[in-house]
Amino acid sequence: MTTTNVKNLRITQTKSVIGTPADQRATVRALGLKRISDTVEQADTPVIRGMVHKVRHLVRVEEI
């Protein structure tokens, strides 16, 4: 049996989405964030990395 080390990302919303384009608001929601200081853990995949990159000015990311 092989064990895989699946990395996770802890994503925290640090700024408001008010005044941001609709696609960025949708990306923040798709990440599972609803308000400032909400934190979620997501798998470290290229899709999630791309979403985080799009809204990098609104969130803080930590690898765990």
Protein backbone atom coordinates (compact mmCIF):
# COMPACT_ATOMS: atom_id res chain seq x y z
CA MET A 1 0.00 0.00 0.00
CA THR A 2 1.41 3.38 -0.99
CA THR A 3 0.75 6.52 0.94
CA THR A 4 0.66 9.78 -0.92
CA ASN A 5 1.44 13.06 0.70
CA VAL A 6 -1.39 15.26 -0.41
CA LYS A 7 -0.55 18.87 0.29
CA ASN A 8 -3.23 21.29 1.29
CA LEU A 9 -3.50 25.05 1.09
CA ARG A 10 -5.00 27.15 3.86
CA ILE A 11 -6.68 30.10 2.14
CA THR A 12 -7.86 33.13 4.13
CA GLN A 13 -9.80 36.04 2.70
CA THR A 14 -8.08 39.25 3.78
CA LYS A 15 -9.88 41.92 1.76
CA SER A 16 -13.43 42.68 0.69
CA VAL A 17 -14.76 41.75 -2.73
CA ILE A 18 -16.76 45.00 -2.94
CA GLY A 19 -15.74 46.85 -6.08
CA THR A 20 -14.02 43.87 -7.68
CA PRO A 21 -15.09 42.40 -11.03
CA ALA A 22 -17.83 39.76 -10.98
CA ASP A 23 -15.45 36.99 -12.07
CA GLN A 24 -13.19 37.65 -9.08
CA ARG A 25 -16.18 37.62 -6.70
CA ALA A 26 -17.25 34.31 -8.21
CA THR A 27 -13.74 32.88 -7.80
CA VAL A 28 -13.64 33.82 -4.11
CA ARG A 29 -17.04 32.16 -3.61
CA ALA A 30 -15.92 29.06 -5.54
CA LEU A 31 -12.96 28.74 -3.18
CA GLY A 32 -15.50 28.52 -0.34
CA LEU A 33 -14.91 31.95 1.16
CA LYS A 34 -17.85 34.10 2.21
CA ARG A 35 -16.46 37.02 4.20
CA ILE A 36 -13.26 38.64 5.40
CA SER A 37 -11.20 36.39 7.70
CA ASP A 38 -12.95 33.21 6.51
CA THR A 39 -10.46 30.36 6.16
CA VAL A 40 -10.78 27.18 4.10
CA GLU A 41 -8.46 24.29 3.33
CA GLN A 42 -8.25 23.14 -0.27
CA ALA A 43 -6.15 20.47 -1.97
CA ASP A 44 -3.02 21.81 -3.65
CA THR A 45 -4.00 21.26 -7.28
CA PRO A 46 -3.26 23.31 -10.41
CA VAL A 47 -6.93 24.34 -10.58
CA ILE A 48 -6.95 25.74 -7.03
CA ARG A 49 -3.55 27.38 -7.58
CA GLY A 50 -4.96 29.13 -10.66
CA MET A 51 -7.99 30.35 -8.73
CA VAL A 52 -5.79 31.65 -5.92
CA HIS A 53 -3.53 33.40 -8.44
CA LYS A 54 -6.53 35.21 -9.91
CA VAL A 55 -7.54 36.66 -6.54
CA ARG A 56 -4.11 36.79 -4.89
CA HIS A 57 -4.67 40.43 -3.87
CA LEU A 58 -7.74 39.41 -1.82
CA VAL A 59 -6.45 36.29 -0.04
CA ARG A 60 -3.53 34.94 2.00
CA VAL A 61 -2.28 31.41 1.28
CA GLU A 62 -0.28 29.03 3.47
CA GLU A 63 0.94 25.57 2.51
CA ILE A 64 0.15 22.95 5.14
